[in-house]
Amino acid sequence: MSSPHIIGERIRHYRKLHNVTQMELAKKLDVAPRYIGNIEQGNRRPSLDMMVEICNWFGVELSDILPLGTKKETCPKDQLIYEIAATCQTLDISQIKIVKTMICSLKG
């Protein structure tokens, strides 16, 4: 999968985690909704400034969206861990403690 597609997937992931439509995100970032759609589909690369704005809006680090690793493909386990971590970023502290308890109970 190419860099633009990975970036687009990750932006879509965070947008959905925050329950925001492409139109709402475009309005917040002062861009056209089509621009967000093109980024999410991997048809367009956002500028670095736009990436910073997107990350600030979602409250994530640039490294959470940019494919900085050296692996060409992530294994399913790594992908699931990434998705769990991304979801946990949207939870409050009491919810995170519940997730931690659940995970610890699985370790036995």
PDB file of N, CA and C in Angstrom:
ATOM      1  N   MET A   1       0.847  -1.177   0.000  1.00  0.00           N
ATOM      2  CA  MET A   1       0.000   0.000   0.000  1.00  0.00           C
ATOM      3  C   MET A   1       0.892   1.239   0.000  1.00  0.00           C
ATOM      4  N   SER A   2       0.558   2.239  -0.803  1.00  0.00           N
ATOM      5  CA  SER A   2       1.386   3.434  -0.942  1.00  0.00           C
ATOM      6  C   SER A   2       1.188   4.397   0.218  1.00  0.00           C
ATOM      7  N   SER A   3       2.136   5.303   0.391  1.00  0.00           N
ATOM      8  CA  SER A   3       2.069   6.299   1.461  1.00  0.00           C
ATOM      9  C   SER A   3       0.777   7.109   1.440  1.00  0.00           C
ATOM     10  N   PRO A   4       0.368   7.660   0.283  1.00  0.00           N
ATOM     11  CA  PRO A   4      -0.873   8.439   0.294  1.00  0.00           C
ATOM     12  C   PRO A   4      -2.087   7.627   0.753  1.00  0.00           C
ATOM     13  N   HIS A   5      -2.124   6.336   0.394  1.00  0.00           N
ATOM     14  CA  HIS A   5      -3.244   5.504   0.811  1.00  0.00           C
ATOM     15  C   HIS A   5      -3.209   5.244   2.320  1.00  0.00           C
ATOM     16  N   ILE A   6      -2.021   5.033   2.866  1.00  0.00           N
ATOM     17  CA  ILE A   6      -1.893   4.807   4.309  1.00  0.00           C
ATOM     18  C   ILE A   6      -2.295   6.063   5.064  1.00  0.00           C
ATOM     19  N   ILE A   7      -1.803   7.214   4.617  1.00  0.00           N
ATOM     20  CA  ILE A   7      -2.163   8.483   5.263  1.00  0.00           C
ATOM     21  C   ILE A   7      -3.670   8.683   5.197  1.00  0.00           C
ATOM     22  N   GLY A   8      -4.245   8.453   4.039  1.00  0.00           N
ATOM     23  CA  GLY A   8      -5.698   8.603   3.875  1.00  0.00           C
ATOM     24  C   GLY A   8      -6.486   7.673   4.778  1.00  0.00           C
ATOM     25  N   GLU A   9      -6.045   6.430   4.878  1.00  0.00           N
ATOM     26  CA  GLU A   9      -6.713   5.457   5.759  1.00  0.00           C
ATOM     27  C   GLU A   9      -6.669   5.914   7.210  1.00  0.00           C
ATOM     28  N   ARG A  10      -5.517   6.394   7.628  1.00  0.00           N
ATOM     29  CA  ARG A  10      -5.354   6.813   9.021  1.00  0.00           C
ATOM     30  C   ARG A  10      -6.176   8.062   9.323  1.00  0.00           C
ATOM     31  N   ILE A  11      -6.231   8.992   8.393  1.00  0.00           N
ATOM     32  CA  ILE A  11      -7.053  10.186   8.599  1.00  0.00           C
ATOM     33  C   ILE A  11      -8.523   9.780   8.680  1.00  0.00           C
ATOM     34  N   ARG A  12      -8.962   8.894   7.791  1.00  0.00           N
ATOM     35  CA  ARG A  12     -10.345   8.404   7.837  1.00  0.00           C
ATOM     36  C   ARG A  12     -10.621   7.721   9.180  1.00  0.00           C
ATOM     37  N   HIS A  13      -9.655   6.934   9.650  1.00  0.00           N
ATOM     38  CA  HIS A  13      -9.797   6.228  10.922  1.00  0.00           C
ATOM     39  C   HIS A  13     -10.037   7.232  12.060  1.00  0.00           C
ATOM     40  N   TYR A  14      -9.196   8.254  12.151  1.00  0.00           N
ATOM     41  CA  TYR A  14      -9.351   9.241  13.219  1.00  0.00           C
ATOM     42  C   TYR A  14     -10.614  10.074  13.041  1.00  0.00           C
ATOM     43  N   ARG A  15     -10.972  10.364  11.808  1.00  0.00           N
ATOM     44  CA  ARG A  15     -12.211  11.118  11.563  1.00  0.00           C
ATOM     45  C   ARG A  15     -13.413  10.335  12.064  1.00  0.00           C
ATOM     46  N   LYS A  16     -13.438   9.055  11.772  1.00  0.00           N
ATOM     47  CA  LYS A  16     -14.552   8.221  12.220  1.00  0.00           C
ATOM     48  C   LYS A  16     -14.542   8.028  13.734  1.00  0.00           C
ATOM     49  N   LEU A  17     -13.342   7.915  14.325  1.00  0.00           N
ATOM     50  CA  LEU A  17     -13.254   7.802  15.781  1.00  0.00           C
ATOM     51  C   LEU A  17     -13.865   9.022  16.469  1.00  0.00           C
ATOM     52  N   HIS A  18     -13.732  10.171  15.825  1.00  0.00           N
ATOM     53  CA  HIS A  18     -14.262  11.410  16.383  1.00  0.00           C
ATOM     54  C   HIS A  18     -15.684  11.703  15.895  1.00  0.00           C
ATOM     55  N   ASN A  19     -16.271  10.755  15.167  1.00  0.00           N
ATOM     56  CA  ASN A  19     -17.632  10.901  14.647  1.00  0.00           C
ATOM     57  C   ASN A  19     -17.826  12.205  13.885  1.00  0.00           C
ATOM     58  N   VAL A  20     -16.917  12.455  12.962  1.00  0.00           N
ATOM     59  CA  VAL A  20     -16.948  13.670  12.156  1.00  0.00           C
ATOM     60  C   VAL A  20     -17.079  13.269  10.690  1.00  0.00           C
ATOM     61  N   THR A  21     -17.931  13.959   9.962  1.00  0.00           N
ATOM     62  CA  THR A  21     -18.057  13.703   8.527  1.00  0.00           C
ATOM     63  C   THR A  21     -16.936  14.416   7.782  1.00  0.00           C
ATOM     64  N   GLN A  22     -16.751  14.035   6.525  1.00  0.00           N
ATOM     65  CA  GLN A  22     -15.770  14.728   5.697  1.00  0.00           C
ATOM     66  C   GLN A  22     -16.124  16.205   5.587  1.00  0.00           C
ATOM     67  N   MET A  23     -17.405  16.483   5.466  1.00  0.00           N
ATOM     68  CA  MET A  23     -17.867  17.861   5.350  1.00  0.00           C
ATOM     69  C   MET A  23     -17.528  18.658   6.609  1.00  0.00           C
ATOM     70  N   GLU A  24     -17.773  18.069   7.779  1.00  0.00           N
ATOM     71  CA  GLU A  24     -17.470  18.760   9.044  1.00  0.00           C
ATOM     72  C   GLU A  24     -15.970  19.002   9.201  1.00  0.00           C
ATOM     73  N   LEU A  25     -15.171  17.993   8.871  1.00  0.00           N
ATOM     74  CA  LEU A  25     -13.724  18.144   8.984  1.00  0.00           C
ATOM     75  C   LEU A  25     -13.229  19.210   8.009  1.00  0.00           C
ATOM     76  N   ALA A  26     -13.742  19.196   6.801  1.00  0.00           N
ATOM     77  CA  ALA A  26     -13.357  20.200   5.804  1.00  0.00           C
ATOM     78  C   ALA A  26     -13.681  21.606   6.298  1.00  0.00           C
ATOM     79  N   LYS A  27     -14.843  21.749   6.908  1.00  0.00           N
ATOM     80  CA  LYS A  27     -15.242  23.064   7.427  1.00  0.00           C
ATOM     81  C   LYS A  27     -14.295  23.511   8.541  1.00  0.00           C
ATOM     82  N   LYS A  28     -13.951  22.601   9.447  1.00  0.00           N
ATOM     83  CA  LYS A  28     -13.035  22.913  10.554  1.00  0.00           C
ATOM     84  C   LYS A  28     -11.657  23.323  10.029  1.00  0.00           C
ATOM     85  N   LEU A  29     -11.226  22.696   8.932  1.00  0.00           N
ATOM     86  CA  LEU A  29      -9.897  22.948   8.376  1.00  0.00           C
ATOM     87  C   LEU A  29      -9.912  24.016   7.285  1.00  0.00           C
ATOM     88  N   ASP A  30     -11.107  24.520   6.970  1.00  0.00           N
ATOM     89  CA  ASP A  30     -11.280  25.552   5.947  1.00  0.00           C
ATOM     90  C   ASP A  30     -10.780  25.090   4.580  1.00  0.00           C
ATOM     91  N   VAL A  31     -11.202  23.866   4.209  1.00  0.00           N
ATOM     92  CA  VAL A  31     -10.887  23.315   2.889  1.00  0.00           C
ATOM     93  C   VAL A  31     -12.167  22.741   2.291  1.00  0.00           C
ATOM     94  N   ALA A  32     -12.119  22.382   1.032  1.00  0.00           N
ATOM     95  CA  ALA A  32     -13.272  21.781   0.361  1.00  0.00           C
ATOM     96  C   ALA A  32     -13.442  20.335   0.810  1.00  0.00           C
ATOM     97  N   PRO A  33     -14.695  19.884   0.984  1.00  0.00           N
ATOM     98  CA  PRO A  33     -14.924  18.478   1.351  1.00  0.00           C
ATOM     99  C   PRO A  33     -14.283  17.510   0.358  1.00  0.00           C
ATOM    100  N   ARG A  34     -14.257  17.869  -0.911  1.00  0.00           N
ATOM    101  CA  ARG A  34     -13.659  17.018  -1.938  1.00  0.00           C
ATOM    102  C   ARG A  34     -12.167  16.796  -1.640  1.00  0.00           C
ATOM    103  N   TYR A  35     -11.513  17.813  -1.083  1.00  0.00           N
ATOM    104  CA  TYR A  35     -10.095  17.715  -0.732  1.00  0.00           C
ATOM    105  C   TYR A  35      -9.888  16.621   0.314  1.00  0.00           C
ATOM    106  N   ILE A  36     -10.740  16.592   1.338  1.00  0.00           N
ATOM    107  CA  ILE A  36     -10.653  15.561   2.378  1.00  0.00           C
ATOM    108  C   ILE A  36     -10.912  14.193   1.759  1.00  0.00           C
ATOM    109  N   GLY A  37     -11.918  14.100   0.910  1.00  0.00           N
ATOM    110  CA  GLY A  37     -12.221  12.830   0.243  1.00  0.00           C
ATOM    111  C   GLY A  37     -11.054  12.328  -0.580  1.00  0.00           C
ATOM    112  N   ASN A  38     -10.417  13.229  -1.318  1.00  0.00           N
ATOM    113  CA  ASN A  38      -9.263  12.839  -2.139  1.00  0.00           C
ATOM    114  C   ASN A  38      -8.099  12.373  -1.279  1.00  0.00           C
ATOM    115  N   ILE A  39      -7.887  13.022  -0.146  1.00  0.00           N
ATOM    116  CA  ILE A  39      -6.826  12.581   0.764  1.00  0.00           C
ATOM    117  C   ILE A  39      -7.142  11.183   1.287  1.00  0.00           C
ATOM    118  N   GLU A  40      -8.368  10.977   1.755  1.00  0.00           N
ATOM    119  CA  GLU A  40      -8.745   9.680   2.323  1.00  0.00           C
ATOM    120  C   GLU A  40      -8.680   8.559   1.298  1.00  0.00           C
ATOM    121  N   GLN A  41      -8.914   8.864   0.043  1.00  0.00           N
ATOM    122  CA  GLN A  41      -8.850   7.849  -1.013  1.00  0.00           C
ATOM    123  C   GLN A  41      -7.429   7.633  -1.518  1.00  0.00           C
ATOM    124  N   GLY A  42      -6.493   8.440  -1.027  1.00  0.00           N
ATOM    125  CA  GLY A  42      -5.110   8.306  -1.462  1.00  0.00           C
ATOM    126  C   GLY A  42      -4.823   8.953  -2.795  1.00  0.00           C
ATOM    127  N   ASN A  43      -5.754   9.779  -3.269  1.00  0.00           N
ATOM    128  CA  ASN A  43      -5.577  10.451  -4.555  1.00  0.00           C
ATOM    129  C   ASN A  43      -4.810  11.762  -4.429  1.00  0.00           C
ATOM    130  N   ARG A  44      -4.659  12.233  -3.215  1.00  0.00           N
ATOM    131  CA  ARG A  44      -3.978  13.503  -2.992  1.00  0.00           C
ATOM    132  C   ARG A  44      -3.187  13.447  -1.695  1.00  0.00           C
ATOM    133  N   ARG A  45      -2.006  14.043  -1.692  1.00  0.00           N
ATOM    134  CA  ARG A  45      -1.181  14.128  -0.479  1.00  0.00           C
ATOM    135  C   ARG A  45      -1.414  15.489   0.171  1.00  0.00           C
ATOM    136  N   PRO A  46      -1.714  15.505   1.464  1.00  0.00           N
ATOM    137  CA  PRO A  46      -1.849  16.803   2.134  1.00  0.00           C
ATOM    138  C   PRO A  46      -0.471  17.428   2.337  1.00  0.00           C
ATOM    139  N   SER A  47      -0.442  18.749   2.376  1.00  0.00           N
ATOM    140  CA  SER A  47       0.819  19.443   2.655  1.00  0.00           C
ATOM    141  C   SER A  47       1.208  19.176   4.111  1.00  0.00           C
ATOM    142  N   LEU A  48       2.448  19.466   4.444  1.00  0.00           N
ATOM    143  CA  LEU A  48       2.895  19.292   5.821  1.00  0.00           C
ATOM    144  C   LEU A  48       2.091  20.188   6.760  1.00  0.00           C
ATOM    145  N   ASP A  49       1.835  21.424   6.333  1.00  0.00           N
ATOM    146  CA  ASP A  49       1.031  22.333   7.159  1.00  0.00           C
ATOM    147  C   ASP A  49      -0.363  21.760   7.412  1.00  0.00           C
ATOM    148  N   MET A  50      -0.960  21.180   6.371  1.00  0.00           N
ATOM    149  CA  MET A  50      -2.295  20.591   6.530  1.00  0.00           C
ATOM    150  C   MET A  50      -2.234  19.377   7.441  1.00  0.00           C
ATOM    151  N   MET A  51      -1.170  18.574   7.306  1.00  0.00           N
ATOM    152  CA  MET A  51      -1.009  17.412   8.189  1.00  0.00           C
ATOM    153  C   MET A  51      -0.940  17.860   9.650  1.00  0.00           C
ATOM    154  N   VAL A  52      -0.206  18.927   9.915  1.00  0.00           N
ATOM    155  CA  VAL A  52      -0.099  19.443  11.283  1.00  0.00           C
ATOM    156  C   VAL A  52      -1.462  19.904  11.772  1.00  0.00           C
ATOM    157  N   GLU A  53      -2.217  20.604  10.930  1.00  0.00           N
ATOM    158  CA  GLU A  53      -3.565  21.048  11.311  1.00  0.00           C
ATOM    159  C   GLU A  53      -4.472  19.858  11.624  1.00  0.00           C
ATOM    160  N   ILE A  54      -4.419  18.843  10.773  1.00  0.00           N
ATOM    161  CA  ILE A  54      -5.245  17.638  10.979  1.00  0.00           C
ATOM    162  C   ILE A  54      -4.865  16.969  12.297  1.00  0.00           C
ATOM    163  N   CYS A  55      -3.580  16.800  12.530  1.00  0.00           N
ATOM    164  CA  CYS A  55      -3.110  16.165  13.768  1.00  0.00           C
ATOM    165  C   CYS A  55      -3.529  16.977  14.991  1.00  0.00           C
ATOM    166  N   ASN A  56      -3.379  18.290  14.924  1.00  0.00           N
ATOM    167  CA  ASN A  56      -3.798  19.137  16.040  1.00  0.00           C
ATOM    168  C   ASN A  56      -5.289  19.003  16.298  1.00  0.00           C
ATOM    169  N   TRP A  57      -6.064  18.955  15.236  1.00  0.00           N
ATOM    170  CA  TRP A  57      -7.517  18.860  15.391  1.00  0.00           C
ATOM    171  C   TRP A  57      -7.913  17.532  16.047  1.00  0.00           C
ATOM    172  N   PHE A  58      -7.249  16.446  15.660  1.00  0.00           N
ATOM    173  CA  PHE A  58      -7.557  15.136  16.234  1.00  0.00           C
ATOM    174  C   PHE A  58      -6.834  14.893  17.553  1.00  0.00           C
ATOM    175  N   GLY A  59      -5.856  15.731  17.876  1.00  0.00           N
ATOM    176  CA  GLY A  59      -5.096  15.541  19.112  1.00  0.00           C
ATOM    177  C   GLY A  59      -4.150  14.352  19.036  1.00  0.00           C
ATOM    178  N   VAL A  60      -3.566  14.142  17.859  1.00  0.00           N
ATOM    179  CA  VAL A  60      -2.625  13.034  17.670  1.00  0.00           C
ATOM    180  C   VAL A  60      -1.291  13.586  17.181  1.00  0.00           C
ATOM    181  N   GLU A  61      -0.280  12.754  17.231  1.00  0.00           N
ATOM    182  CA  GLU A  61       1.046  13.126  16.747  1.00  0.00           C
ATOM    183  C   GLU A  61       1.127  12.869  15.238  1.00  0.00           C
ATOM    184  N   LEU A  62       2.010  13.591  14.593  1.00  0.00           N
ATOM    185  CA  LEU A  62       2.235  13.389  13.166  1.00  0.00           C
ATOM    186  C   LEU A  62       2.620  11.939  12.880  1.00  0.00           C
ATOM    187  N   SER A  63       3.374  11.342  13.783  1.00  0.00           N
ATOM    188  CA  SER A  63       3.807   9.950  13.600  1.00  0.00           C
ATOM    189  C   SER A  63       2.642   8.961  13.665  1.00  0.00           C
ATOM    190  N   ASP A  64       1.497   9.390  14.216  1.00  0.00           N
ATOM    191  CA  ASP A  64       0.325   8.519  14.252  1.00  0.00           C
ATOM    192  C   ASP A  64      -0.333   8.408  12.879  1.00  0.00           C
ATOM    193  N   ILE A  65      -0.069   9.376  12.024  1.00  0.00           N
ATOM    194  CA  ILE A  65      -0.702   9.387  10.703  1.00  0.00           C
ATOM    195  C   ILE A  65       0.292   9.059   9.593  1.00  0.00           C
ATOM    196  N   LEU A  66       1.513   9.526   9.731  1.00  0.00           N
ATOM    197  CA  LEU A  66       2.504   9.268   8.685  1.00  0.00           C
ATOM    198  C   LEU A  66       3.061   7.854   8.779  1.00  0.00           C
ATOM    199  N   PRO A  67       3.225   7.183   7.652  1.00  0.00           N
ATOM    200  CA  PRO A  67       3.827   5.843   7.648  1.00  0.00           C
ATOM    201  C   PRO A  67       5.348   5.950   7.761  1.00  0.00           C
ATOM    202  N   LEU A  68       5.839   6.030   8.985  1.00  0.00           N
ATOM    203  CA  LEU A  68       7.261   6.250   9.211  1.00  0.00           C
ATOM    204  C   LEU A  68       8.060   4.962   9.386  1.00  0.00           C
ATOM    205  N   GLY A  69       7.377   3.842   9.558  1.00  0.00           N
ATOM    206  CA  GLY A  69       8.068   2.578   9.776  1.00  0.00           C
ATOM    207  C   GLY A  69       8.789   2.100   8.531  1.00  0.00           C
ATOM    208  N   THR A  70       9.653   1.121   8.736  1.00  0.00           N
ATOM    209  CA  THR A  70      10.398   0.576   7.607  1.00  0.00           C
ATOM    210  C   THR A  70       9.699  -0.634   6.998  1.00  0.00           C
ATOM    211  N   LYS A  71       8.695  -1.162   7.686  1.00  0.00           N
ATOM    212  CA  LYS A  71       7.991  -2.336   7.156  1.00  0.00           C
ATOM    213  C   LYS A  71       7.121  -1.933   5.975  1.00  0.00           C
ATOM    214  N   LYS A  72       7.079  -2.791   4.967  1.00  0.00           N
ATOM    215  CA  LYS A  72       6.192  -2.542   3.839  1.00  0.00           C
ATOM    216  C   LYS A  72       4.750  -2.867   4.206  1.00  0.00           C
ATOM    217  N   GLU A  73       4.542  -3.921   4.931  1.00  0.00           N
ATOM    218  CA  GLU A  73       3.209  -4.338   5.356  1.00  0.00           C
ATOM    219  C   GLU A  73       3.231  -4.573   6.857  1.00  0.00           C
ATOM    220  N   THR A  74       2.173  -4.180   7.526  1.00  0.00           N
ATOM    221  CA  THR A  74       2.098  -4.479   8.947  1.00  0.00           C
ATOM    222  C   THR A  74       1.380  -5.806   9.114  1.00  0.00           C
ATOM    223  N   CYS A  75       1.772  -6.539  10.127  1.00  0.00           N
ATOM    224  CA  CYS A  75       1.111  -7.820  10.364  1.00  0.00           C
ATOM    225  C   CYS A  75      -0.240  -7.539  11.018  1.00  0.00           C
ATOM    226  N   PRO A  76      -1.169  -8.478  10.937  1.00  0.00           N
ATOM    227  CA  PRO A  76      -2.501  -8.264  11.508  1.00  0.00           C
ATOM    228  C   PRO A  76      -2.457  -7.897  12.997  1.00  0.00           C
ATOM    229  N   LYS A  77      -1.555  -8.523  13.748  1.00  0.00           N
ATOM    230  CA  LYS A  77      -1.454  -8.214  15.174  1.00  0.00           C
ATOM    231  C   LYS A  77      -1.065  -6.748  15.377  1.00  0.00           C
ATOM    232  N   ASP A  78      -0.069  -6.261  14.635  1.00  0.00           N
ATOM    233  CA  ASP A  78       0.354  -4.868  14.756  1.00  0.00           C
ATOM    234  C   ASP A  78      -0.780  -3.916  14.373  1.00  0.00           C
ATOM    235  N   GLN A  79      -1.527  -4.264  13.340  1.00  0.00           N
ATOM    236  CA  GLN A  79      -2.640  -3.424  12.906  1.00  0.00           C
ATOM    237  C   GLN A  79      -3.706  -3.346  14.000  1.00  0.00           C
ATOM    238  N   LEU A  80      -4.015  -4.471  14.630  1.00  0.00           N
ATOM    239  CA  LEU A  80      -5.007  -4.469  15.714  1.00  0.00           C
ATOM    240  C   LEU A  80      -4.522  -3.651  16.903  1.00  0.00           C
ATOM    241  N   ILE A  81      -3.250  -3.771  17.235  1.00  0.00           N
ATOM    242  CA  ILE A  81      -2.693  -2.988  18.341  1.00  0.00           C
ATOM    243  C   ILE A  81      -2.792  -1.500  18.012  1.00  0.00           C
ATOM    244  N   TYR A  82      -2.480  -1.140  16.783  1.00  0.00           N
ATOM    245  CA  TYR A  82      -2.584   0.260  16.344  1.00  0.00           C
ATOM    246  C   TYR A  82      -4.028   0.754  16.496  1.00  0.00           C
ATOM    247  N   GLU A  83      -4.985  -0.046  16.055  1.00  0.00           N
ATOM    248  CA  GLU A  83      -6.390   0.364  16.130  1.00  0.00           C
ATOM    249  C   GLU A  83      -6.857   0.495  17.575  1.00  0.00           C
ATOM    250  N   ILE A  84      -6.432  -0.419  18.447  1.00  0.00           N
ATOM    251  CA  ILE A  84      -6.796  -0.345  19.863  1.00  0.00           C
ATOM    252  C   ILE A  84      -6.204   0.911  20.493  1.00  0.00           C
ATOM    253  N   ALA A  85      -4.940   1.176  20.204  1.00  0.00           N
ATOM    254  CA  ALA A  85      -4.283   2.366  20.759  1.00  0.00           C
ATOM    255  C   ALA A  85      -4.976   3.639  20.270  1.00  0.00           C
ATOM    256  N   ALA A  86      -5.324   3.679  18.995  1.00  0.00           N
ATOM    257  CA  ALA A  86      -6.004   4.854  18.451  1.00  0.00           C
ATOM    258  C   ALA A  86      -7.369   5.054  19.103  1.00  0.00           C
ATOM    259  N   THR A  87      -8.078   3.962  19.327  1.00  0.00           N
ATOM    260  CA  THR A  87      -9.377   4.054  19.986  1.00  0.00           C
ATOM    261  C   THR A  87      -9.227   4.519  21.425  1.00  0.00           C
ATOM    262  N   CYS A  88      -8.209   4.020  22.113  1.00  0.00           N
ATOM    263  CA  CYS A  88      -7.985   4.419  23.507  1.00  0.00           C
ATOM    264  C   CYS A  88      -7.719   5.911  23.639  1.00  0.00           C
ATOM    265  N   GLN A  89      -7.156   6.520  22.626  1.00  0.00           N
ATOM    266  CA  GLN A  89      -6.887   7.958  22.671  1.00  0.00           C
ATOM    267  C   GLN A  89      -8.167   8.772  22.767  1.00  0.00           C
ATOM    268  N   THR A  90      -9.289   8.197  22.377  1.00  0.00           N
ATOM    269  CA  THR A  90     -10.552   8.930  22.412  1.00  0.00           C
ATOM    270  C   THR A  90     -11.326   8.689  23.706  1.00  0.00           C
ATOM    271  N   LEU A  91     -10.838   7.796  24.565  1.00  0.00           N
ATOM    272  CA  LEU A  91     -11.534   7.444  25.800  1.00  0.00           C
ATOM    273  C   LEU A  91     -11.117   8.350  26.951  1.00  0.00           C
ATOM    274  N   ASP A  92     -11.996   8.455  27.950  1.00  0.00           N
ATOM    275  CA  ASP A  92     -11.586   9.180  29.153  1.00  0.00           C
ATOM    276  C   ASP A  92     -10.849   8.203  30.071  1.00  0.00           C
ATOM    277  N   ILE A  93     -10.266   8.716  31.140  1.00  0.00           N
ATOM    278  CA  ILE A  93      -9.385   7.910  31.999  1.00  0.00           C
ATOM    279  C   ILE A  93     -10.114   6.717  32.629  1.00  0.00           C
ATOM    280  N   SER A  94     -11.366   6.890  33.017  1.00  0.00           N
ATOM    281  CA  SER A  94     -12.086   5.759  33.632  1.00  0.00           C
ATOM    282  C   SER A  94     -12.321   4.635  32.619  1.00  0.00           C
ATOM    283  N   GLN A  95     -12.579   4.995  31.369  1.00  0.00           N
ATOM    284  CA  GLN A  95     -12.767   3.982  30.328  1.00  0.00           C
ATOM    285  C   GLN A  95     -11.450   3.270  30.028  1.00  0.00           C
ATOM    286  N   ILE A  96     -10.351   4.014  30.035  1.00  0.00           N
ATOM    287  CA  ILE A  96      -9.040   3.412  29.785  1.00  0.00           C
ATOM    288  C   ILE A  96      -8.690   2.425  30.898  1.00  0.00           C
ATOM    289  N   LYS A  97      -9.047   2.760  32.138  1.00  0.00           N
ATOM    290  CA  LYS A  97      -8.787   1.841  33.251  1.00  0.00           C
ATOM    291  C   LYS A  97      -9.570   0.543  33.075  1.00  0.00           C
ATOM    292  N   ILE A  98     -10.779   0.629  32.552  1.00  0.00           N
ATOM    293  CA  ILE A  98     -11.585  -0.571  32.296  1.00  0.00           C
ATOM    294  C   ILE A  98     -10.923  -1.424  31.218  1.00  0.00           C
ATOM    295  N   VAL A  99     -10.448  -0.775  30.149  1.00  0.00           N
ATOM    296  CA  VAL A  99      -9.759  -1.501  29.077  1.00  0.00           C
ATOM    297  C   VAL A  99      -8.511  -2.182  29.629  1.00  0.00           C
ATOM    298  N   LYS A 100      -7.762  -1.486  30.467  1.00  0.00           N
ATOM    299  CA  LYS A 100      -6.555  -2.053  31.055  1.00  0.00           C
ATOM    300  C   LYS A 100      -6.895  -3.281  31.893  1.00  0.00           C
ATOM    301  N   THR A 101      -7.941  -3.187  32.708  1.00  0.00           N
ATOM    302  CA  THR A 101      -8.375  -4.321  33.528  1.00  0.00           C
ATOM    303  C   THR A 101      -8.746  -5.512  32.657  1.00  0.00           C
ATOM    304  N   MET A 102      -9.455  -5.242  31.575  1.00  0.00           N
ATOM    305  CA  MET A 102      -9.858  -6.330  30.659  1.00  0.00           C
ATOM    306  C   MET A 102      -8.624  -6.979  30.044  1.00  0.00           C
ATOM    307  N   ILE A 103      -7.675  -6.185  29.616  1.00  0.00           N
ATOM    308  CA  ILE A 103      -6.467  -6.730  28.986  1.00  0.00           C
ATOM    309  C   ILE A 103      -5.658  -7.545  30.004  1.00  0.00           C
ATOM    310  N   CYS A 104      -5.542  -7.007  31.218  1.00  0.00           N
ATOM    311  CA  CYS A 104      -4.779  -7.720  32.261  1.00  0.00           C
ATOM    312  C   CYS A 104      -5.444  -9.057  32.595  1.00  0.00           C
ATOM    313  N   SER A 105      -6.774  -9.108  32.550  1.00  0.00           N
ATOM    314  CA  SER A 105      -7.455 -10.372  32.873  1.00  0.00           C
ATOM    315  C   SER A 105      -7.202 -11.424  31.785  1.00  0.00           C
ATOM    316  N   LEU A 106      -6.903 -10.996  30.567  1.00  0.00           N
ATOM    317  CA  LEU A 106      -6.608 -11.929  29.482  1.00  0.00           C
ATOM    318  C   LEU A 106      -5.217 -12.554  29.629  1.00  0.00           C
ATOM    319  N   LYS A 107      -4.322 -11.825  30.264  1.00  0.00           N
ATOM    320  CA  LYS A 107      -2.947 -12.313  30.433  1.00  0.00           C
ATOM    321  C   LYS A 107      -2.902 -13.483  31.418  1.00  0.00           C
ATOM    322  N   GLY A 108      -3.901 -13.573  32.253  1.00  0.00           N
ATOM    323  CA  GLY A 108      -3.989 -14.694  33.173  1.00  0.00           C
ATOM    324  C   GLY A 108      -3.191 -14.518  34.365  1.00  0.00           C
TER     325      GLY A 108
END
